[in-house]
Protein backbone atom coordinates (compact mmCIF):
# COMPACT_ATOMS: atom_id res chain seq x y z
CA MET A 1 0.00 0.00 0.00
CA ALA A 2 2.81 2.40 0.89
CA LEU A 3 4.59 1.62 -2.37
CA ALA A 4 1.38 2.29 -4.30
CA ARG A 5 1.06 5.69 -2.68
CA VAL A 6 4.68 6.52 -3.44
CA ARG A 7 4.06 5.49 -7.06
CA LEU A 8 1.07 7.84 -7.31
CA LEU A 9 3.01 10.66 -5.66
CA LEU A 10 5.82 10.24 -8.19
CA VAL A 11 3.30 10.31 -11.05
CA PHE A 12 1.95 13.60 -9.70
CA LEU A 13 5.37 15.15 -9.22
CA VAL A 14 6.56 14.18 -12.69
CA ALA A 15 3.35 15.41 -14.31
CA PHE A 16 3.44 18.67 -12.34
CA ALA A 17 7.11 19.23 -13.21
CA CYS A 18 6.50 18.63 -16.92
CA LEU A 19 3.43 20.85 -17.11
CA GLY A 20 5.07 23.49 -14.95
CA VAL A 21 8.15 23.67 -17.18
CA LEU A 22 5.95 24.01 -20.24
CA ALA A 23 3.94 26.76 -18.55
CA GLY A 24 7.10 28.61 -17.56
CA LYS A 25 7.51 31.14 -14.77
CA GLN A 26 5.29 33.67 -16.54
CA GLY A 27 2.50 31.14 -16.92
CA LEU A 28 2.63 30.00 -13.30
CA THR A 29 3.15 33.22 -11.38
CA ARG A 30 0.73 35.68 -12.91
CA PRO A 31 -2.93 35.66 -13.95
CA SER A 32 -3.79 34.98 -17.56
CA GLU A 33 -5.65 37.61 -19.55
CA ALA A 34 -8.69 35.31 -19.70
CA ASN A 35 -9.00 34.76 -15.95
CA HIS A 36 -12.80 34.71 -16.02
CA TYR A 37 -13.41 32.15 -13.29
CA SER A 38 -11.66 34.07 -10.53
CA HIS A 39 -13.78 37.12 -11.38
CA MET A 40 -16.88 34.93 -11.29
CA ALA A 41 -15.89 33.66 -7.83
CA LEU A 42 -15.23 37.25 -6.65
CA ALA A 43 -18.71 38.29 -7.82
CA TRP A 44 -20.25 35.47 -5.79
CA LEU A 45 -18.34 36.56 -2.70
CA ASP A 46 -19.75 40.05 -3.23
CA GLY A 47 -23.29 38.66 -3.61
CA ARG A 48 -23.51 39.23 -7.38
CA LEU A 49 -24.15 37.00 -10.39
CA ALA A 50 -22.82 39.59 -12.85
CA HIS A 51 -19.40 41.17 -13.22
CA GLU A 52 -19.06 44.66 -11.76
CA GLY A 53 -18.44 47.20 -14.51
CA ASN A 54 -16.68 46.40 -17.76
CA PRO A 55 -14.62 43.19 -18.00
CA PRO A 56 -10.83 43.24 -17.61
CA GLY A 57 -9.12 44.33 -20.82
CA TYR A 58 -12.21 46.13 -22.14
CA GLU A 59 -10.36 49.37 -22.79
CA ARG A 60 -7.68 47.54 -24.79
CA ARG A 61 -10.22 45.34 -26.62
CA ARG A 62 -8.74 42.29 -24.91
CA HIS A 63 -11.94 41.06 -23.24
CA ASP A 64 -12.16 37.67 -24.88
CA ASP A 65 -15.37 35.58 -24.58
CA TRP A 66 -17.33 37.66 -22.08
CA GLY A 67 -21.10 37.67 -22.39
CA VAL A 68 -23.08 40.90 -22.37
CA VAL A 69 -26.81 41.48 -21.89
CA TYR A 70 -28.18 44.89 -22.80
CA SER A 71 -30.90 46.66 -20.82
CA VAL A 72 -32.62 48.95 -23.32
CA GLU A 73 -35.11 51.72 -22.55
CA PHE A 74 -37.18 53.43 -25.25
CA LYS A 75 -38.81 56.81 -25.71
CA PRO A 76 -42.59 56.87 -25.17
CA ARG A 77 -43.24 57.41 -28.88
CA ALA A 78 -41.78 53.97 -29.64
CA GLY A 79 -45.03 52.49 -28.29
CA LEU A 80 -43.34 49.70 -26.30
CA ASP A 81 -44.30 48.48 -22.85
CA GLY A 82 -41.26 49.17 -20.73
CA PRO A 83 -37.57 48.28 -21.15
CA ILE A 84 -36.21 45.02 -22.48
CA ARG A 85 -33.21 42.78 -21.78
CA GLY A 86 -31.43 41.17 -24.70
CA TYR A 87 -28.81 41.62 -27.39
CA PRO A 88 -28.70 43.15 -30.88
CA CYS A 89 -29.69 41.13 -33.92
CA LYS A 90 -26.68 40.69 -36.20
CA ARG A 91 -28.24 38.63 -38.96
CA ALA A 92 -27.56 40.01 -42.43
CA ALA A 93 -31.15 41.20 -42.83
CA CYS A 94 -31.03 43.07 -39.50
CA LEU A 95 -27.75 44.74 -40.34
CA GLU A 96 -29.17 45.81 -43.70
CA GLU A 97 -32.25 47.31 -42.03
CA ARG A 98 -30.04 49.19 -39.63
CA ARG A 99 -27.85 50.55 -42.43
CA LYS A 100 -30.63 51.53 -44.82
CA ARG A 101 -33.52 52.53 -42.57
CA GLY A 102 -31.96 53.15 -39.17
CA ILE A 103 -34.02 50.34 -37.57
CA GLU A 104 -32.51 48.30 -34.75
CA THR A 105 -33.74 44.81 -33.95
CA TRP A 106 -33.21 43.40 -30.47
CA LEU A 107 -33.46 39.72 -29.50
CA THR A 108 -34.85 39.62 -25.98
CA THR A 109 -34.04 37.14 -23.21
CA ASP A 110 -37.68 35.97 -23.27
CA GLY A 111 -37.51 35.03 -26.96
CA ARG A 112 -39.05 38.05 -28.70
CA GLU A 113 -37.75 40.26 -31.50
CA VAL A 114 -38.23 44.00 -30.97
CA SER A 115 -37.59 46.41 -33.86
CA VAL A 116 -37.45 50.17 -33.30
CA LYS A 117 -35.97 53.21 -34.98
CA ARG A 118 -32.53 53.99 -33.65
CA ARG A 119 -33.61 57.47 -32.58
CA ASP A 120 -36.28 55.95 -30.33
CA VAL A 121 -33.70 54.23 -28.11
CA GLN A 122 -33.43 56.38 -25.00
CA ARG A 123 -30.87 54.46 -23.01
CA ARG A 124 -28.89 51.24 -23.24
CA ALA A 125 -26.73 49.72 -20.51
CA ARG A 126 -24.49 46.65 -20.53
CA THR A 127 -24.29 43.93 -17.90
CA TRP A 128 -21.33 41.56 -18.29
CA TYR A 129 -21.34 37.88 -17.35
CA VAL A 130 -19.05 34.88 -17.37
CA THR A 131 -21.07 32.50 -19.53
CA PHE A 132 -19.01 29.36 -18.95
CA PRO A 133 -20.42 26.67 -16.62
CA PRO A 134 -19.37 27.61 -13.09
CA ALA A 135 -17.76 24.59 -11.37
CA PRO A 136 -14.15 25.83 -11.87
CA ALA A 137 -15.13 29.10 -10.20
CA LEU A 138 -16.48 27.07 -7.27
CA LEU A 139 -13.12 25.30 -6.95
CA MET A 140 -11.32 28.67 -7.10
CA LEU A 141 -13.56 30.18 -4.44
CA PRO A 142 -11.24 29.47 -1.45
CA TRP A 143 -8.25 30.92 -3.33
CA VAL A 144 -10.19 34.04 -4.25
CA ALA A 145 -11.53 34.41 -0.70
CA LEU A 146 -7.97 34.36 0.65
CA TRP A 147 -6.08 36.30 -2.01
CA GLY A 148 -8.68 38.12 -4.08
CA ALA A 149 -8.98 38.18 -7.85
CA PRO A 150 -7.43 37.58 -10.24
CA ILE A 151 -5.58 34.51 -9.00
CA TRP A 152 -2.74 32.68 -10.72
CA ASP A 153 -5.02 30.55 -12.85
CA GLY A 154 -2.06 28.98 -14.67
CA LEU A 155 -0.79 27.43 -11.44
CA PHE A 156 -4.32 26.34 -10.56
CA THR A 157 -4.73 24.65 -13.95
CA VAL A 158 -1.33 22.94 -13.83
CA LEU A 159 -2.04 21.55 -10.35
CA LEU A 160 -5.35 20.04 -11.44
CA GLY A 161 -3.88 18.91 -14.75
CA ALA A 162 -1.20 16.95 -12.89
CA LEU A 163 -3.89 15.12 -10.90
CA THR A 164 -5.56 13.52 -13.94
CA PRO A 165 -2.71 11.05 -14.69
CA VAL A 166 -2.64 10.19 -10.97
CA VAL A 167 -6.33 9.28 -11.07
CA LEU A 168 -5.79 7.28 -14.28
CA VAL A 169 -2.98 5.22 -12.76
CA TRP A 170 -4.84 4.72 -9.48
CA PHE A 171 -7.98 3.59 -11.32
CA LEU A 172 -6.20 1.20 -13.67
CA ASP A 173 -3.94 -0.23 -10.95
CA ARG A 174 -6.99 -0.99 -8.82
CA ALA A 175 -9.21 -2.27 -11.63
CA ARG A 176 -6.65 -4.32 -13.61
CA GLY A 177 -3.93 -5.15 -11.12
CA LEU A 178 -0.18 -4.82 -11.67
CA GLU A 179 0.74 -8.27 -12.90
CA GLY A 180 2.25 -9.03 -16.28
CA GLY A 181 3.78 -5.62 -16.81
CA ARG A 182 0.53 -3.74 -16.29
CA ASP A 183 2.28 -1.31 -13.98
CA ARG A 184 4.30 -0.13 -17.00
CA GLU A 185 1.23 -0.16 -19.25
CA HIS A 186 -0.58 2.17 -16.89
CA LEU A 187 2.34 4.57 -16.78
CA TRP A 188 2.39 4.70 -20.58
CA ILE A 189 -1.37 5.38 -20.55
CA ALA A 190 -0.75 8.26 -18.13
CA ALA A 191 2.08 9.57 -20.32
CA ALA A 192 -0.18 9.43 -23.38
CA TRP A 193 -2.64 11.71 -21.62
CA THR A 194 -0.19 14.09 -19.97
CA LEU A 195 2.36 14.67 -22.74
CA ALA A 196 0.97 13.21 -25.98
CA SER A 197 -2.56 14.60 -26.10
CA PRO A 198 -4.16 18.07 -26.22
CA ALA A 199 -4.03 17.97 -22.40
CA CYS A 200 -0.30 18.73 -22.68
CA TRP A 201 -0.71 22.26 -24.01
CA VAL A 202 -4.18 22.88 -22.54
CA SER A 203 -3.30 21.99 -18.92
CA SER A 204 -0.02 23.89 -19.01
CA HIS A 205 -1.70 27.21 -19.78
CA GLY A 206 -4.24 28.99 -17.64
CA ALA A 207 -7.20 30.66 -19.34
CA VAL A 208 -10.92 30.19 -19.00
CA TRP A 209 -11.28 27.67 -21.85
CA PHE A 210 -8.27 25.59 -20.80
CA THR A 211 -9.12 25.64 -17.11
CA ALA A 212 -12.66 24.46 -17.90
CA GLN A 213 -11.43 21.55 -19.98
CA THR A 214 -8.75 20.56 -17.46
CA VAL A 215 -11.25 20.56 -14.60
CA GLY A 216 -13.83 18.72 -16.69
CA ALA A 217 -11.35 16.02 -17.75
CA LEU A 218 -10.16 15.48 -14.18
CA LEU A 219 -13.72 15.11 -12.92
CA VAL A 220 -14.69 12.73 -15.73
CA THR A 221 -11.66 10.55 -14.95
CA LEU A 222 -12.57 10.55 -11.26
CA TYR A 223 -16.14 9.68 -12.19
CA LEU A 224 -14.97 6.67 -14.22
CA ALA A 225 -12.81 5.45 -11.35
CA LEU A 226 -15.52 5.87 -8.72
CA SER A 227 -18.23 4.38 -10.94
CA TRP A 228 -16.32 1.15 -11.56
CA GLU A 229 -18.28 -1.72 -10.01
CA ALA A 230 -20.57 1.03 -8.59
CA ARG A 231 -18.38 1.14 -5.49
CA ARG A 232 -18.91 4.78 -4.56
CA PRO A 233 -22.19 5.97 -6.06
CA ALA A 234 -22.51 9.25 -4.15
CA ALA A 235 -18.95 10.33 -4.96
CA ALA A 236 -19.40 9.25 -8.58
CA GLY A 237 -22.60 11.28 -8.85
CA LEU A 238 -20.90 14.34 -7.34
CA CYS A 239 -17.98 14.10 -9.78
CA LEU A 240 -20.32 13.75 -12.76
CA ALA A 241 -22.42 16.68 -11.53
CA LEU A 242 -19.34 18.92 -11.22
CA ALA A 243 -18.01 17.70 -14.57
CA VAL A 244 -21.27 18.74 -16.24
CA ALA A 245 -21.04 22.04 -14.36
CA SER A 246 -17.62 22.53 -15.99
CA ARG A 247 -18.32 21.26 -19.50
CA VAL A 248 -21.92 20.30 -20.31
CA THR A 249 -20.88 17.48 -22.66
CA PRO A 250 -19.89 15.03 -19.85
CA ALA A 251 -23.62 14.48 -19.27
CA PHE A 252 -23.28 11.78 -21.95
CA VAL A 253 -20.91 9.77 -19.72
CA LEU A 254 -23.91 8.81 -17.57
CA PRO A 255 -24.29 5.29 -19.11
CA VAL A 256 -20.99 4.15 -17.59
CA PHE A 257 -22.33 4.26 -14.04
CA LEU A 258 -25.71 2.84 -15.03
CA VAL A 259 -24.05 -0.24 -16.56
CA GLU A 260 -21.83 -0.70 -13.49
CA TRP A 261 -24.85 -0.33 -11.22
CA TRP A 262 -26.76 -2.92 -13.27
CA ARG A 263 -23.83 -5.33 -13.14
CA GLY A 264 -23.28 -4.70 -9.44
CA GLY A 265 -26.63 -5.86 -8.15
CA ARG A 266 -29.00 -3.00 -9.05
CA LYS A 267 -29.37 -1.75 -5.47
CA PRO A 268 -31.98 1.05 -5.36
CA LEU A 269 -30.14 2.93 -2.58
CA ALA A 270 -26.97 3.12 -4.67
CA LEU A 271 -28.92 4.68 -7.54
CA VAL A 272 -30.49 7.23 -5.17
CA LYS A 273 -27.07 8.14 -3.77
CA PHE A 274 -25.76 8.59 -7.31
CA ALA A 275 -28.70 10.68 -8.49
CA ALA A 276 -28.93 13.01 -5.48
CA PRO A 277 -25.92 15.27 -6.30
CA LEU A 278 -26.97 15.35 -9.95
CA VAL A 279 -30.44 16.61 -9.06
CA VAL A 280 -29.14 19.21 -6.59
CA THR A 281 -26.51 20.50 -9.03
CA ALA A 282 -28.98 20.63 -11.92
CA ALA A 283 -31.40 22.65 -9.78
CA ALA A 284 -28.65 25.09 -8.76
CA LEU A 285 -27.49 25.57 -12.36
CA MET A 286 -31.03 26.10 -13.61
CA TRP A 287 -31.70 28.67 -10.90
CA MET A 288 -28.51 30.56 -11.75
CA ASN A 289 -29.27 30.53 -15.47
CA ALA A 290 -32.82 31.75 -14.93
CA ALA A 291 -31.63 34.52 -12.62
CA ARG A 292 -29.08 35.75 -15.15
CA PHE A 293 -30.67 35.07 -18.53
CA ASP A 294 -34.37 34.41 -17.84
CA ASP A 295 -33.94 30.85 -19.12
CA PRO A 296 -33.03 27.87 -16.87
CA LEU A 297 -31.32 26.04 -19.77
CA GLN A 298 -29.27 28.99 -21.04
CA PHE A 299 -25.69 29.35 -19.74
CA GLY A 300 -25.36 32.53 -21.80
CA HIS A 301 -23.12 31.64 -24.72
CA ARG A 302 -25.62 33.25 -27.10
CA TYR A 303 -24.65 36.57 -25.46
CA LEU A 304 -20.92 36.27 -26.11
CA GLU A 305 -19.51 39.42 -27.66
CA ILE A 306 -17.55 37.67 -30.41
CA ARG A 307 -17.04 37.96 -34.15
CA TRP A 308 -19.10 34.80 -34.75
CA GLN A 309 -22.41 36.30 -33.62
CA GLN A 310 -23.82 36.64 -37.15
CA ARG A 311 -23.06 33.01 -37.91
CA ILE A 312 -24.56 31.85 -34.61
CA GLN A 313 -27.76 33.82 -35.16
CA GLU A 314 -28.17 32.64 -38.75
CA LEU A 315 -27.09 28.99 -38.47
CA GLY A 316 -27.49 28.31 -34.76
CA MET A 317 -25.07 27.41 -31.99
CA PHE A 318 -25.21 23.81 -33.25
CA SER A 319 -25.76 22.79 -36.86
CA LEU A 320 -25.02 19.97 -39.29
CA GLN A 321 -23.44 22.62 -41.51
CA TYR A 322 -20.51 22.75 -39.10
CA LEU A 323 -19.94 18.99 -39.19
CA PRO A 324 -17.54 18.64 -42.20
CA ARG A 325 -15.23 21.34 -40.86
CA ASN A 326 -15.31 19.99 -37.31
CA LEU A 327 -14.68 16.41 -38.40
CA GLU A 328 -11.55 17.47 -40.27
CA ALA A 329 -10.35 19.57 -37.34
CA ALA A 330 -10.98 16.68 -34.96
CA LEU A 331 -9.47 13.84 -36.98
CA TRP A 332 -7.16 14.56 -39.90
CA LEU A 333 -6.29 18.25 -40.07
CA ARG A 334 -2.51 18.30 -40.47
CA PRO A 335 0.26 20.90 -40.25
CA GLN A 336 1.25 22.85 -43.32
CA VAL A 337 4.69 22.19 -44.79
CA ILE A 338 6.70 25.39 -45.33
CA THR A 339 9.30 25.04 -48.09
CA SER A 340 11.36 28.08 -47.15
CA GLY A 341 12.06 30.38 -44.26
CA GLY A 342 11.53 27.81 -41.45
CA PRO A 343 10.23 26.50 -39.19
CA TRP A 344 9.27 23.84 -41.69
CA LEU A 345 5.89 23.03 -40.16
CA ARG A 346 3.13 25.51 -39.36
CA TRP A 347 -0.22 24.69 -37.83
CA SER A 348 -3.67 25.94 -38.67
CA GLN A 349 -5.23 28.10 -35.97
CA HIS A 350 -7.88 25.35 -35.92
CA GLY A 351 -5.26 22.96 -34.58
CA MET A 352 -4.31 19.44 -35.57
CA GLY A 353 -6.43 16.31 -35.92
CA LEU A 354 -6.25 13.52 -33.35
CA LEU A 355 -5.03 10.93 -35.85
CA VAL A 356 -2.01 13.17 -36.45
CA GLY A 357 -1.41 14.69 -33.02
CA CYS A 358 -2.29 11.60 -30.93
CA PRO A 359 -0.85 8.71 -33.00
CA TRP A 360 -1.26 6.35 -30.04
CA LEU A 361 -5.00 6.34 -30.78
CA TRP A 362 -4.20 4.03 -33.71
CA ALA A 363 -3.66 1.37 -31.03
CA LEU A 364 -7.45 1.10 -30.79
CA ILE A 365 -7.13 -1.08 -33.90
CA TRP A 366 -5.47 -3.87 -31.96
CA ALA A 367 -6.89 -3.15 -28.48
CA ARG A 368 -9.37 -6.01 -28.61
CA ASP A 369 -8.73 -8.09 -25.53
CA ARG A 370 -12.34 -8.88 -24.68
CA GLY A 371 -12.30 -12.00 -22.51
CA ASP A 372 -15.39 -14.15 -22.81
CA ALA A 373 -19.00 -13.07 -23.20
CA GLN A 374 -19.30 -12.42 -19.46
CA GLY A 375 -16.10 -10.38 -19.37
CA ARG A 376 -13.98 -13.00 -17.62
CA PRO A 377 -10.33 -12.52 -18.55
CA SER A 378 -8.78 -14.73 -21.15
CA GLU A 379 -5.98 -17.01 -19.98
CA ASP A 380 -3.15 -14.68 -21.00
CA THR A 381 -4.74 -11.66 -19.29
CA ALA A 382 -5.80 -13.26 -16.03
CA SER A 383 -4.85 -11.29 -12.95
CA THR A 384 -5.32 -11.57 -9.22
CA PRO A 385 -8.65 -12.85 -7.93
CA GLY A 386 -11.37 -10.25 -8.16
CA ARG A 387 -9.58 -8.25 -10.83
CA ALA A 388 -11.19 -7.86 -14.25
CA GLY A 389 -8.74 -8.51 -17.06
CA ALA A 390 -11.17 -7.51 -19.81
CA LEU A 391 -14.36 -5.57 -20.30
CA THR A 392 -17.79 -7.05 -20.73
CA LEU A 393 -19.73 -6.22 -23.86
CA ALA A 394 -21.98 -3.91 -21.81
CA GLN A 395 -18.99 -2.02 -20.43
CA ARG A 396 -17.45 -1.56 -23.86
CA VAL A 397 -20.76 -0.36 -25.29
CA ALA A 398 -21.22 2.10 -22.39
CA LEU A 399 -17.74 3.55 -22.89
CA TRP A 400 -18.22 3.91 -26.66
CA VAL A 401 -21.68 5.45 -26.17
CA ALA A 402 -20.05 7.92 -23.78
CA VAL A 403 -17.35 8.73 -26.36
CA VAL A 404 -19.80 9.23 -29.23
CA GLY A 405 -22.33 11.11 -27.11
CA THR A 406 -19.68 13.45 -25.69
CA ALA A 407 -18.06 14.08 -29.08
CA THR A 408 -21.28 14.76 -30.99
CA PRO A 409 -22.14 18.22 -29.56
CA THR A 410 -18.61 19.48 -30.22
CA LEU A 411 -18.73 18.14 -33.79
CA LEU A 412 -21.95 20.12 -34.36
CA TYR A 413 -20.74 23.21 -32.51
CA GLN A 414 -20.21 26.55 -34.27
CA ASN A 415 -16.53 26.62 -33.25
CA THR A 416 -13.70 24.13 -33.86
CA GLY A 417 -12.01 25.14 -30.62
CA PHE A 418 -10.21 27.90 -32.52
CA ARG A 419 -7.34 29.10 -31.59
CA GLN A 420 -5.60 25.89 -30.64
CA PHE A 421 -2.55 23.78 -31.30
CA SER A 422 -4.41 20.47 -31.38
CA TYR A 423 -8.06 19.54 -31.06
CA ARG A 424 -8.80 20.47 -27.46
CA PHE A 425 -12.46 19.39 -27.36
CA ALA A 426 -11.18 15.80 -27.44
CA MET A 427 -10.24 16.14 -23.77
CA ASP A 428 -13.94 15.57 -23.03
CA TYR A 429 -13.79 11.97 -24.24
CA LEU A 430 -10.14 10.89 -24.32
CA PRO A 431 -10.39 9.48 -20.74
CA MET A 432 -12.90 6.88 -22.00
CA LEU A 433 -10.68 6.01 -24.97
CA LEU A 434 -7.72 5.54 -22.63
CA VAL A 435 -9.76 3.14 -20.51
CA LEU A 436 -10.69 1.19 -23.65
CA LEU A 437 -7.03 1.09 -24.68
CA ALA A 438 -5.90 -0.11 -21.26
CA PHE A 439 -8.50 -2.85 -20.88
CA GLY A 440 -8.07 -3.79 -24.53
CA GLY A 441 -4.41 -4.58 -23.99
CA ALA A 442 -3.05 -1.85 -26.29
CA ALA A 443 0.29 -2.03 -24.44
CA ARG A 444 0.12 -5.62 -23.23
CA GLY A 445 3.23 -7.69 -23.85
CA PRO A 446 6.70 -6.52 -24.90
CA ARG A 447 5.97 -6.03 -28.63
CA ARG A 448 2.72 -4.14 -28.20
CA ARG A 449 4.22 -2.08 -25.41
CA ARG A 450 7.14 -1.04 -27.60
CA VAL A 451 4.84 -0.02 -30.44
CA PHE A 452 2.53 1.87 -28.09
CA ALA A 453 5.52 3.58 -26.45
CA VAL A 454 6.85 4.71 -29.83
CA LEU A 455 3.45 6.17 -30.73
CA VAL A 456 3.25 7.97 -27.38
CA VAL A 457 6.75 9.42 -27.85
CA LEU A 458 5.87 10.65 -31.35
CA GLY A 459 2.73 12.31 -30.03
CA ALA A 460 4.67 13.83 -27.14
CA LEU A 461 7.24 15.37 -29.49
CA LEU A 462 4.44 17.19 -31.29
CA GLN A 463 2.36 18.20 -28.26
CA VAL A 464 5.33 19.31 -26.15
CA TYR A 465 6.61 21.41 -29.06
CA GLY A 466 3.25 23.17 -29.29
CA ALA A 467 2.93 23.58 -25.53
CA TRP A 468 6.40 25.12 -25.30
CA TYR A 469 5.84 27.74 -27.98
CA TRP A 470 2.17 28.40 -27.21
CA GLY A 471 2.96 30.84 -24.43
CA ARG A 472 6.37 31.92 -25.69
CA ALA A 473 6.25 32.42 -29.45
CA PRO A 474 2.83 31.55 -30.94
CA GLY A 475 3.91 33.18 -34.20
CA ARG A 476 6.30 30.28 -34.62
CA LEU A 477 3.40 27.82 -34.60
CA PHE A 478 0.60 29.13 -36.79
CA VAL A 479 0.19 29.83 -40.50
CA ARG A 480 -0.35 33.46 -41.44
CA ASP A 481 -3.79 32.79 -42.93
CA MET A 482 -5.79 32.49 -39.71
CA TRP A 483 -8.80 31.01 -41.57
CA TRP A 484 -6.90 28.22 -43.33
CA PRO A 485 -8.23 25.75 -44.35
CA PHE A 486 -11.96 26.35 -43.66
CA ALA A 487 -12.78 29.83 -44.92
CA ALA A 488 -14.48 28.50 -48.05
CA LEU A 489 -16.72 26.15 -46.04
CA THR A 490 -18.47 28.62 -43.78
CA GLY A 491 -17.52 32.08 -45.00
CA GLN A 492 -16.57 33.00 -41.46
CA VAL A 493 -14.74 30.22 -39.69
């Protein structure tokens, strides 16, 4: 037991050292420009749901991804009943009406469209919000209470990022045992996540988007570990609830616990314990959304003050029209080869596909160690009594349903994850793929382990390169055409 704890401590220290070096002193010891969550936590401590005044960086036009709701009052001659809350219509037809006839159209928080002449607007005021799901702000709350805002969100993100490989190793060691070289397999799985996936550059840099994904990935990994054999239903439910409160997409990981609960005896009390934190968290989120945006299901992304507003209003936040672009960004988008003037490779601002940037995912082709129909381990994968050497069909289906369900919203989303080195939305479902790889024996045996290790090292060379230059010299990474290669697909990428 003591040796196991030392092993986990070493995993944490190595992961923290690697991510910390990639972040650099500047990344660890000062707030990022997109330190939204600490401001959200500070607002809560002051008894507010909105940010006080304009967001940080507003005067320099550096207020990235803040949401704004307008309160608009009209002159009596406009013939409207009182003020409205909402945001301006930016569809092409609305902009044309504004240009030609001086008519403004407002989209209200209660779902109406209000059109008035510009001269009939008496007053408009802005209220700024953090529109990202709030769980990371909840975790930052003690820091903000002690030291105020903004906090060093880079250090916060690196600390939590270094915990994810620890949870992976702890989970796999407990679920699969350490016999037959599995101790080394699990370390390679942890290395694949920490250094050879988008988590490498995401978790080594603080900013609202990267902190959200790091927190969400950690909580999903904890949820998988605590759900296994339905051992800790209440803790599993709490982790899933907080994961959804960080990144809504982890809601689709729900089937993993349900299958484990079914296999583990279907005890009603266990299901109640699991569901209780989900219900409480859902109620809290819906109350907060209704209080801010008059809609319990609206986190506020429709109010983001970003260049994509016209596209969002015309095509929607989610659309099949985004699918071809997002599939390429997720899977096979590759760097551009530069024939002169080095460096010889430049990346699209939409990143790099998983099949290029995470070559170890190709091991899913041979990760097929399934045991028998009931999930009992085959002879060459048998471990200590009580340890499962392979997954049952139901477990494999649950994990793949979780992967597909979690990936689908991001593939239909209006944004690729832009500006990124590699496809960061994959962090939502890579923990499930790593579990499938581990139980499928992707690194079992000397030959497979060598191949898997080579693929992990290749991925690490790419991801570490991007993580190093991301905060130091991003101009070294990206092609000059910021829309390449998708401008022709959507007009605005």
